[in-house]
Amino acid sequence: MIRRLSSFFSRHLALSSNTETLQEIEPLQLATAALLLEVSRADFNMDDSERNFVVELLKNQFQLPVERLEELIAAAQQETEQAISLYPFTRLINDNYSPAQKSQLILHLWQVAFADGYLDKYEDHVIRRVADLIHVPHSEFIRTKLEAEVASHK
């Protein structure tokens, strides 16, 4: 299993002509960015407010310079377009995030979903799947949803 995950990210890193920079992208950062982007495109309409929110979240969480941030987002977009499952991403989250970090990730996913002022059923579905795959309790899933929804109306 670990070999498959390693292969998954090695394959991505080998695809780029700019291998020096992309090899510096941490798989956990890539997995987090991919999940955020997956929610933003779940409703088949990734608008600027959602993309900008994803950029801000990643910038704040990983303290990356703008150039590296754009590389991370481009790599994550490529991975989400090629991925057939969320499992490789959620596996890395499970292996590396604490319960509090997982809850924070779910909150961020909700914030991305609410960024355009509308929660689509497909966004809800993706977040529910991610929460299940990273073993976030249902009560925490609901708490973070309500917190993001209230914050989106301010």
N, C-alpha and C. Protein backbone atom coordinates (compact mmCIF):
# COMPACT_ATOMS: atom_id res chain seq x y z
N MET A 1 0.81 -1.18 0.00
CA MET A 1 0.00 0.00 0.00
C MET A 1 0.86 1.26 0.00
N ILE A 2 1.86 1.28 0.85
CA ILE A 2 2.75 2.43 0.92
C ILE A 2 3.47 2.60 -0.42
N ARG A 3 3.84 1.50 -1.05
CA ARG A 3 4.50 1.59 -2.36
C ARG A 3 3.58 2.22 -3.39
N ARG A 4 2.29 1.87 -3.34
CA ARG A 4 1.35 2.45 -4.30
C ARG A 4 1.20 3.95 -4.08
N LEU A 5 1.13 4.37 -2.82
CA LEU A 5 1.05 5.80 -2.53
C LEU A 5 2.31 6.52 -2.98
N SER A 6 3.44 5.91 -2.69
CA SER A 6 4.72 6.48 -3.11
C SER A 6 4.79 6.59 -4.62
N SER A 7 4.34 5.55 -5.28
CA SER A 7 4.33 5.52 -6.74
C SER A 7 3.40 6.61 -7.29
N PHE A 8 2.26 6.77 -6.64
CA PHE A 8 1.28 7.79 -7.04
C PHE A 8 1.93 9.17 -7.08
N PHE A 9 2.62 9.53 -6.00
CA PHE A 9 3.22 10.86 -5.94
C PHE A 9 4.51 10.92 -6.75
N SER A 10 5.24 9.85 -6.85
CA SER A 10 6.44 9.84 -7.68
C SER A 10 6.07 10.01 -9.15
N ARG A 11 4.99 9.38 -9.55
CA ARG A 11 4.52 9.49 -10.92
C ARG A 11 4.21 10.95 -11.24
N HIS A 12 3.55 11.62 -10.31
CA HIS A 12 3.23 13.03 -10.53
C HIS A 12 4.50 13.85 -10.65
N LEU A 13 5.41 13.64 -9.75
CA LEU A 13 6.62 14.44 -9.75
C LEU A 13 7.47 14.18 -10.98
N ALA A 14 7.38 13.01 -11.53
CA ALA A 14 8.16 12.68 -12.72
C ALA A 14 7.57 13.30 -13.97
N LEU A 15 6.31 13.71 -13.95
CA LEU A 15 5.66 14.24 -15.13
C LEU A 15 6.10 15.65 -15.48
N SER A 16 6.63 16.36 -14.54
CA SER A 16 6.94 17.77 -14.77
C SER A 16 8.32 17.95 -15.37
N SER A 17 8.42 18.97 -16.22
CA SER A 17 9.73 19.31 -16.75
C SER A 17 10.53 20.09 -15.71
N ASN A 18 9.84 20.69 -14.75
CA ASN A 18 10.48 21.45 -13.70
C ASN A 18 10.59 20.58 -12.45
N THR A 19 11.35 19.52 -12.54
CA THR A 19 11.38 18.52 -11.47
C THR A 19 12.00 19.03 -10.19
N GLU A 20 12.95 19.94 -10.27
CA GLU A 20 13.58 20.42 -9.04
C GLU A 20 12.57 21.08 -8.12
N THR A 21 11.70 21.91 -8.66
CA THR A 21 10.72 22.60 -7.81
C THR A 21 9.63 21.65 -7.36
N LEU A 22 9.12 20.83 -8.26
CA LEU A 22 8.02 19.95 -7.90
C LEU A 22 8.44 18.85 -6.94
N GLN A 23 9.69 18.46 -6.98
CA GLN A 23 10.13 17.45 -6.02
C GLN A 23 10.11 18.01 -4.60
N GLU A 24 10.12 19.31 -4.48
CA GLU A 24 10.07 19.93 -3.17
C GLU A 24 8.66 20.00 -2.61
N ILE A 25 7.65 19.71 -3.43
CA ILE A 25 6.27 19.72 -2.95
C ILE A 25 6.06 18.50 -2.06
N GLU A 26 5.65 18.78 -0.87
CA GLU A 26 5.40 17.72 0.09
C GLU A 26 4.13 16.97 -0.29
N PRO A 27 4.15 15.64 -0.25
CA PRO A 27 2.95 14.87 -0.57
C PRO A 27 1.74 15.25 0.29
N LEU A 28 1.96 15.59 1.55
CA LEU A 28 0.86 15.97 2.43
C LEU A 28 0.25 17.31 1.99
N GLN A 29 1.09 18.23 1.56
CA GLN A 29 0.59 19.49 1.04
C GLN A 29 -0.21 19.25 -0.24
N LEU A 30 0.30 18.37 -1.08
CA LEU A 30 -0.39 18.04 -2.32
C LEU A 30 -1.73 17.39 -2.04
N ALA A 31 -1.77 16.48 -1.09
CA ALA A 31 -3.03 15.81 -0.73
C ALA A 31 -4.04 16.80 -0.18
N THR A 32 -3.60 17.70 0.68
CA THR A 32 -4.50 18.71 1.25
C THR A 32 -5.04 19.62 0.16
N ALA A 33 -4.16 20.10 -0.69
CA ALA A 33 -4.58 20.97 -1.79
C ALA A 33 -5.55 20.25 -2.72
N ALA A 34 -5.28 18.99 -3.00
CA ALA A 34 -6.15 18.21 -3.90
C ALA A 34 -7.55 18.07 -3.32
N LEU A 35 -7.66 17.83 -2.03
CA LEU A 35 -8.98 17.70 -1.40
C LEU A 35 -9.73 19.03 -1.43
N LEU A 36 -9.04 20.11 -1.16
CA LEU A 36 -9.68 21.43 -1.22
C LEU A 36 -10.18 21.73 -2.64
N LEU A 37 -9.36 21.42 -3.62
CA LEU A 37 -9.75 21.66 -5.01
C LEU A 37 -10.87 20.73 -5.45
N GLU A 38 -10.86 19.53 -4.93
CA GLU A 38 -11.93 18.58 -5.29
C GLU A 38 -13.29 19.11 -4.84
N VAL A 39 -13.34 19.71 -3.67
CA VAL A 39 -14.60 20.30 -3.20
C VAL A 39 -14.98 21.49 -4.09
N SER A 40 -14.00 22.31 -4.42
CA SER A 40 -14.30 23.51 -5.21
C SER A 40 -14.81 23.18 -6.60
N ARG A 41 -14.44 22.04 -7.13
CA ARG A 41 -14.90 21.68 -8.47
C ARG A 41 -16.02 20.63 -8.46
N ALA A 42 -16.47 20.26 -7.29
CA ALA A 42 -17.51 19.23 -7.17
C ALA A 42 -18.81 19.64 -7.83
N ASP A 43 -19.12 20.93 -7.81
CA ASP A 43 -20.37 21.41 -8.41
C ASP A 43 -20.19 21.78 -9.89
N PHE A 44 -19.04 21.39 -10.46
CA PHE A 44 -18.73 21.61 -11.88
C PHE A 44 -18.60 23.09 -12.21
N ASN A 45 -18.36 23.92 -11.19
CA ASN A 45 -18.23 25.35 -11.41
C ASN A 45 -17.29 25.92 -10.35
N MET A 46 -16.01 25.94 -10.66
CA MET A 46 -15.03 26.50 -9.71
C MET A 46 -14.90 27.98 -10.00
N ASP A 47 -15.58 28.79 -9.20
CA ASP A 47 -15.52 30.23 -9.45
C ASP A 47 -14.33 30.86 -8.72
N ASP A 48 -14.11 32.13 -8.99
CA ASP A 48 -12.95 32.82 -8.43
C ASP A 48 -12.97 32.89 -6.91
N SER A 49 -14.15 33.02 -6.32
CA SER A 49 -14.22 33.11 -4.87
C SER A 49 -13.74 31.81 -4.22
N GLU A 50 -14.10 30.67 -4.80
CA GLU A 50 -13.64 29.39 -4.26
C GLU A 50 -12.14 29.22 -4.48
N ARG A 51 -11.67 29.53 -5.67
CA ARG A 51 -10.24 29.38 -5.96
C ARG A 51 -9.43 30.30 -5.04
N ASN A 52 -9.86 31.54 -4.90
CA ASN A 52 -9.14 32.48 -4.03
C ASN A 52 -9.13 32.00 -2.58
N PHE A 53 -10.23 31.41 -2.15
CA PHE A 53 -10.29 30.90 -0.79
C PHE A 53 -9.32 29.73 -0.61
N VAL A 54 -9.25 28.86 -1.60
CA VAL A 54 -8.30 27.73 -1.55
C VAL A 54 -6.87 28.27 -1.48
N VAL A 55 -6.57 29.25 -2.29
CA VAL A 55 -5.22 29.84 -2.29
C VAL A 55 -4.89 30.41 -0.91
N GLU A 56 -5.82 31.15 -0.32
CA GLU A 56 -5.59 31.74 1.00
C GLU A 56 -5.41 30.67 2.08
N LEU A 57 -6.24 29.64 2.03
CA LEU A 57 -6.11 28.57 3.02
C LEU A 57 -4.75 27.90 2.94
N LEU A 58 -4.33 27.58 1.73
CA LEU A 58 -3.05 26.90 1.54
C LEU A 58 -1.89 27.82 1.93
N LYS A 59 -2.01 29.08 1.58
CA LYS A 59 -0.97 30.06 1.93
C LYS A 59 -0.82 30.15 3.45
N ASN A 60 -1.94 30.24 4.15
CA ASN A 60 -1.91 30.35 5.60
C ASN A 60 -1.45 29.07 6.28
N GLN A 61 -1.90 27.94 5.76
CA GLN A 61 -1.58 26.68 6.41
C GLN A 61 -0.12 26.27 6.21
N PHE A 62 0.40 26.47 5.01
CA PHE A 62 1.73 25.96 4.70
C PHE A 62 2.81 27.04 4.61
N GLN A 63 2.40 28.31 4.74
CA GLN A 63 3.37 29.42 4.72
C GLN A 63 4.27 29.36 3.48
N LEU A 64 3.64 29.22 2.32
CA LEU A 64 4.39 29.11 1.07
C LEU A 64 4.43 30.45 0.35
N PRO A 65 5.55 30.74 -0.34
CA PRO A 65 5.57 31.92 -1.19
C PRO A 65 4.61 31.73 -2.36
N VAL A 66 4.20 32.82 -2.96
CA VAL A 66 3.19 32.79 -4.02
C VAL A 66 3.57 31.85 -5.16
N GLU A 67 4.82 31.89 -5.59
CA GLU A 67 5.26 31.03 -6.70
C GLU A 67 5.09 29.55 -6.35
N ARG A 68 5.50 29.17 -5.16
CA ARG A 68 5.38 27.77 -4.72
C ARG A 68 3.91 27.38 -4.56
N LEU A 69 3.12 28.32 -4.11
CA LEU A 69 1.69 28.10 -3.93
C LEU A 69 1.03 27.79 -5.27
N GLU A 70 1.38 28.55 -6.28
CA GLU A 70 0.83 28.31 -7.62
C GLU A 70 1.26 26.95 -8.17
N GLU A 71 2.50 26.57 -7.89
CA GLU A 71 3.00 25.25 -8.32
C GLU A 71 2.22 24.14 -7.61
N LEU A 72 1.98 24.32 -6.32
CA LEU A 72 1.22 23.34 -5.54
C LEU A 72 -0.19 23.20 -6.10
N ILE A 73 -0.83 24.32 -6.38
CA ILE A 73 -2.20 24.29 -6.90
C ILE A 73 -2.25 23.63 -8.28
N ALA A 74 -1.29 23.96 -9.13
CA ALA A 74 -1.24 23.35 -10.46
C ALA A 74 -1.04 21.83 -10.35
N ALA A 75 -0.16 21.42 -9.47
CA ALA A 75 0.09 19.99 -9.28
C ALA A 75 -1.15 19.29 -8.71
N ALA A 76 -1.81 19.94 -7.76
CA ALA A 76 -3.02 19.36 -7.16
C ALA A 76 -4.15 19.27 -8.19
N GLN A 77 -4.28 20.28 -9.04
CA GLN A 77 -5.31 20.22 -10.09
C GLN A 77 -5.05 19.06 -11.03
N GLN A 78 -3.80 18.88 -11.39
CA GLN A 78 -3.44 17.77 -12.27
C GLN A 78 -3.77 16.44 -11.61
N GLU A 79 -3.46 16.31 -10.34
CA GLU A 79 -3.72 15.06 -9.64
C GLU A 79 -5.22 14.78 -9.50
N THR A 80 -6.01 15.80 -9.19
CA THR A 80 -7.45 15.57 -9.03
C THR A 80 -8.10 15.21 -10.36
N GLU A 81 -7.57 15.75 -11.45
CA GLU A 81 -8.12 15.40 -12.77
C GLU A 81 -7.80 13.96 -13.14
N GLN A 82 -6.66 13.44 -12.67
CA GLN A 82 -6.24 12.09 -13.01
C GLN A 82 -6.69 11.04 -11.98
N ALA A 83 -7.02 11.48 -10.79
CA ALA A 83 -7.35 10.55 -9.71
C ALA A 83 -8.71 9.90 -9.96
N ILE A 84 -8.79 8.63 -9.63
CA ILE A 84 -10.08 7.93 -9.74
C ILE A 84 -10.71 7.74 -8.37
N SER A 85 -9.98 8.15 -7.34
CA SER A 85 -10.46 7.96 -5.98
C SER A 85 -9.84 9.03 -5.07
N LEU A 86 -10.51 9.30 -3.98
CA LEU A 86 -9.97 10.21 -2.97
C LEU A 86 -9.04 9.48 -2.00
N TYR A 87 -9.02 8.16 -2.08
CA TYR A 87 -8.29 7.36 -1.10
C TYR A 87 -6.80 7.71 -0.98
N PRO A 88 -6.05 7.87 -2.08
CA PRO A 88 -4.63 8.20 -1.89
C PRO A 88 -4.42 9.49 -1.10
N PHE A 89 -5.29 10.45 -1.30
CA PHE A 89 -5.18 11.71 -0.57
C PHE A 89 -5.57 11.53 0.89
N THR A 90 -6.68 10.87 1.12
CA THR A 90 -7.16 10.71 2.49
C THR A 90 -6.26 9.78 3.30
N ARG A 91 -5.61 8.86 2.64
CA ARG A 91 -4.68 7.96 3.34
C ARG A 91 -3.53 8.77 3.95
N LEU A 92 -3.00 9.70 3.18
CA LEU A 92 -1.93 10.55 3.70
C LEU A 92 -2.42 11.41 4.87
N ILE A 93 -3.63 11.90 4.77
CA ILE A 93 -4.21 12.69 5.86
C ILE A 93 -4.35 11.82 7.10
N ASN A 94 -4.87 10.63 6.93
CA ASN A 94 -5.03 9.71 8.07
C ASN A 94 -3.71 9.39 8.74
N ASP A 95 -2.68 9.21 7.94
CA ASP A 95 -1.38 8.82 8.48
C ASP A 95 -0.63 9.96 9.15
N ASN A 96 -1.01 11.20 8.84
CA ASN A 96 -0.20 12.32 9.29
C ASN A 96 -0.92 13.39 10.10
N TYR A 97 -2.24 13.44 10.05
CA TYR A 97 -2.98 14.49 10.75
C TYR A 97 -3.53 13.96 12.07
N SER A 98 -3.51 14.83 13.06
CA SER A 98 -4.14 14.51 14.34
C SER A 98 -5.65 14.69 14.17
N PRO A 99 -6.45 14.20 15.14
CA PRO A 99 -7.90 14.43 15.06
C PRO A 99 -8.26 15.92 14.94
N ALA A 100 -7.54 16.77 15.65
CA ALA A 100 -7.81 18.22 15.57
C ALA A 100 -7.49 18.76 14.17
N GLN A 101 -6.41 18.29 13.57
CA GLN A 101 -6.05 18.73 12.22
C GLN A 101 -7.06 18.22 11.19
N LYS A 102 -7.57 17.03 11.41
CA LYS A 102 -8.59 16.48 10.51
C LYS A 102 -9.87 17.33 10.59
N SER A 103 -10.27 17.70 11.80
CA SER A 103 -11.45 18.55 11.96
C SER A 103 -11.23 19.90 11.29
N GLN A 104 -10.03 20.43 11.43
CA GLN A 104 -9.71 21.70 10.79
C GLN A 104 -9.78 21.58 9.26
N LEU A 105 -9.32 20.46 8.73
CA LEU A 105 -9.41 20.23 7.29
C LEU A 105 -10.87 20.19 6.84
N ILE A 106 -11.71 19.50 7.59
CA ILE A 106 -13.14 19.44 7.24
C ILE A 106 -13.75 20.83 7.30
N LEU A 107 -13.39 21.62 8.30
CA LEU A 107 -13.86 23.00 8.37
C LEU A 107 -13.42 23.77 7.12
N HIS A 108 -12.17 23.60 6.71
CA HIS A 108 -11.68 24.27 5.51
C HIS A 108 -12.45 23.81 4.26
N LEU A 109 -12.77 22.54 4.19
CA LEU A 109 -13.54 22.04 3.04
C LEU A 109 -14.91 22.71 3.01
N TRP A 110 -15.55 22.82 4.17
CA TRP A 110 -16.84 23.51 4.24
C TRP A 110 -16.70 24.97 3.84
N GLN A 111 -15.65 25.62 4.30
CA GLN A 111 -15.44 27.03 3.96
C GLN A 111 -15.29 27.22 2.45
N VAL A 112 -14.60 26.31 1.82
CA VAL A 112 -14.46 26.37 0.36
C VAL A 112 -15.84 26.20 -0.29
N ALA A 113 -16.60 25.25 0.20
CA ALA A 113 -17.94 25.00 -0.36
C ALA A 113 -18.85 26.21 -0.22
N PHE A 114 -18.76 26.90 0.90
CA PHE A 114 -19.61 28.08 1.14
C PHE A 114 -19.04 29.37 0.55
N ALA A 115 -17.83 29.34 0.03
CA ALA A 115 -17.16 30.56 -0.45
C ALA A 115 -17.94 31.28 -1.54
N ASP A 116 -18.67 30.54 -2.36
CA ASP A 116 -19.43 31.19 -3.43
C ASP A 116 -20.85 31.54 -3.00
N GLY A 117 -21.16 31.35 -1.70
CA GLY A 117 -22.47 31.71 -1.18
C GLY A 117 -23.53 30.64 -1.35
N TYR A 118 -23.14 29.48 -1.86
CA TYR A 118 -24.11 28.43 -2.12
C TYR A 118 -23.47 27.07 -1.88
N LEU A 119 -24.14 26.23 -1.09
CA LEU A 119 -23.66 24.88 -0.86
C LEU A 119 -24.38 23.94 -1.81
N ASP A 120 -23.64 23.37 -2.72
CA ASP A 120 -24.19 22.44 -3.69
C ASP A 120 -24.21 21.03 -3.09
N LYS A 121 -25.17 20.23 -3.51
CA LYS A 121 -25.29 18.86 -2.97
C LYS A 121 -24.05 18.02 -3.29
N TYR A 122 -23.38 18.32 -4.39
CA TYR A 122 -22.18 17.56 -4.74
C TYR A 122 -21.00 17.95 -3.85
N GLU A 123 -20.93 19.21 -3.48
CA GLU A 123 -19.90 19.65 -2.54
C GLU A 123 -20.12 18.96 -1.19
N ASP A 124 -21.37 18.96 -0.75
CA ASP A 124 -21.72 18.29 0.51
C ASP A 124 -21.32 16.82 0.47
N HIS A 125 -21.60 16.19 -0.65
CA HIS A 125 -21.29 14.76 -0.80
C HIS A 125 -19.78 14.49 -0.71
N VAL A 126 -18.98 15.31 -1.38
CA VAL A 126 -17.53 15.13 -1.35
C VAL A 126 -17.00 15.31 0.06
N ILE A 127 -17.48 16.33 0.75
CA ILE A 127 -17.02 16.57 2.12
C ILE A 127 -17.43 15.42 3.03
N ARG A 128 -18.62 14.92 2.86
CA ARG A 128 -19.08 13.78 3.65
C ARG A 128 -18.18 12.56 3.42
N ARG A 129 -17.83 12.32 2.16
CA ARG A 129 -16.94 11.19 1.84
C ARG A 129 -15.57 11.36 2.46
N VAL A 130 -15.03 12.56 2.36
CA VAL A 130 -13.71 12.83 2.95
C VAL A 130 -13.78 12.63 4.46
N ALA A 131 -14.80 13.18 5.10
CA ALA A 131 -14.94 13.04 6.55
C ALA A 131 -15.01 11.56 6.95
N ASP A 132 -15.74 10.78 6.19
CA ASP A 132 -15.82 9.34 6.48
C ASP A 132 -14.46 8.67 6.29
N LEU A 133 -13.78 9.01 5.22
CA LEU A 133 -12.49 8.38 4.92
C LEU A 133 -11.39 8.76 5.90
N ILE A 134 -11.49 9.94 6.50
CA ILE A 134 -10.46 10.33 7.48
C ILE A 134 -10.96 10.16 8.92
N HIS A 135 -12.10 9.51 9.05
CA HIS A 135 -12.63 9.11 10.36
C HIS A 135 -12.94 10.29 11.28
N VAL A 136 -13.57 11.31 10.71
CA VAL A 136 -14.04 12.44 11.52
C VAL A 136 -15.44 12.08 12.01
N PRO A 137 -15.68 12.16 13.32
CA PRO A 137 -17.00 11.81 13.85
C PRO A 137 -18.10 12.69 13.24
N HIS A 138 -19.28 12.12 13.12
CA HIS A 138 -20.39 12.83 12.50
C HIS A 138 -20.71 14.13 13.24
N SER A 139 -20.62 14.11 14.55
CA SER A 139 -20.89 15.32 15.32
C SER A 139 -19.91 16.44 14.95
N GLU A 140 -18.67 16.08 14.71
CA GLU A 140 -17.65 17.07 14.32
C GLU A 140 -17.89 17.54 12.88
N PHE A 141 -18.33 16.62 12.04
CA PHE A 141 -18.70 16.94 10.66
C PHE A 141 -19.80 18.01 10.65
N ILE A 142 -20.82 17.83 11.47
CA ILE A 142 -21.93 18.78 11.55
C ILE A 142 -21.49 20.09 12.20
N ARG A 143 -20.72 20.01 13.28
CA ARG A 143 -20.24 21.22 13.96
C ARG A 143 -19.46 22.10 13.00
N THR A 144 -18.54 21.51 12.23
CA THR A 144 -17.74 22.30 11.30
C THR A 144 -18.59 22.87 10.17
N LYS A 145 -19.59 22.13 9.74
CA LYS A 145 -20.49 22.63 8.70
C LYS A 145 -21.22 23.87 9.19
N LEU A 146 -21.78 23.78 10.39
CA LEU A 146 -22.51 24.92 10.96
C LEU A 146 -21.59 26.13 11.18
N GLU A 147 -20.39 25.87 11.66
CA GLU A 147 -19.43 26.95 11.88
C GLU A 147 -19.09 27.66 10.56
N ALA A 148 -18.85 26.89 9.51
CA ALA A 148 -18.53 27.48 8.21
C ALA A 148 -19.73 28.22 7.62
N GLU A 149 -20.91 27.66 7.81
CA GLU A 149 -22.11 28.29 7.28
C GLU A 149 -22.37 29.64 7.96
N VAL A 150 -22.25 29.68 9.29
CA VAL A 150 -22.45 30.93 10.02
C VAL A 150 -21.41 31.96 9.58
N ALA A 151 -20.17 31.54 9.46
CA ALA A 151 -19.09 32.47 9.06
C ALA A 151 -19.31 32.99 7.64
N SER A 152 -19.92 32.20 6.79
CA SER A 152 -20.12 32.63 5.39
C SER A 152 -21.19 33.69 5.27
N HIS A 153 -22.04 33.84 6.28
CA HIS A 153 -23.11 34.83 6.24
C HIS A 153 -22.71 36.16 6.88
N LYS A 154 -21.49 36.24 7.36
CA LYS A 154 -21.03 37.49 8.01
C LYS A 154 -20.54 38.46 7.00
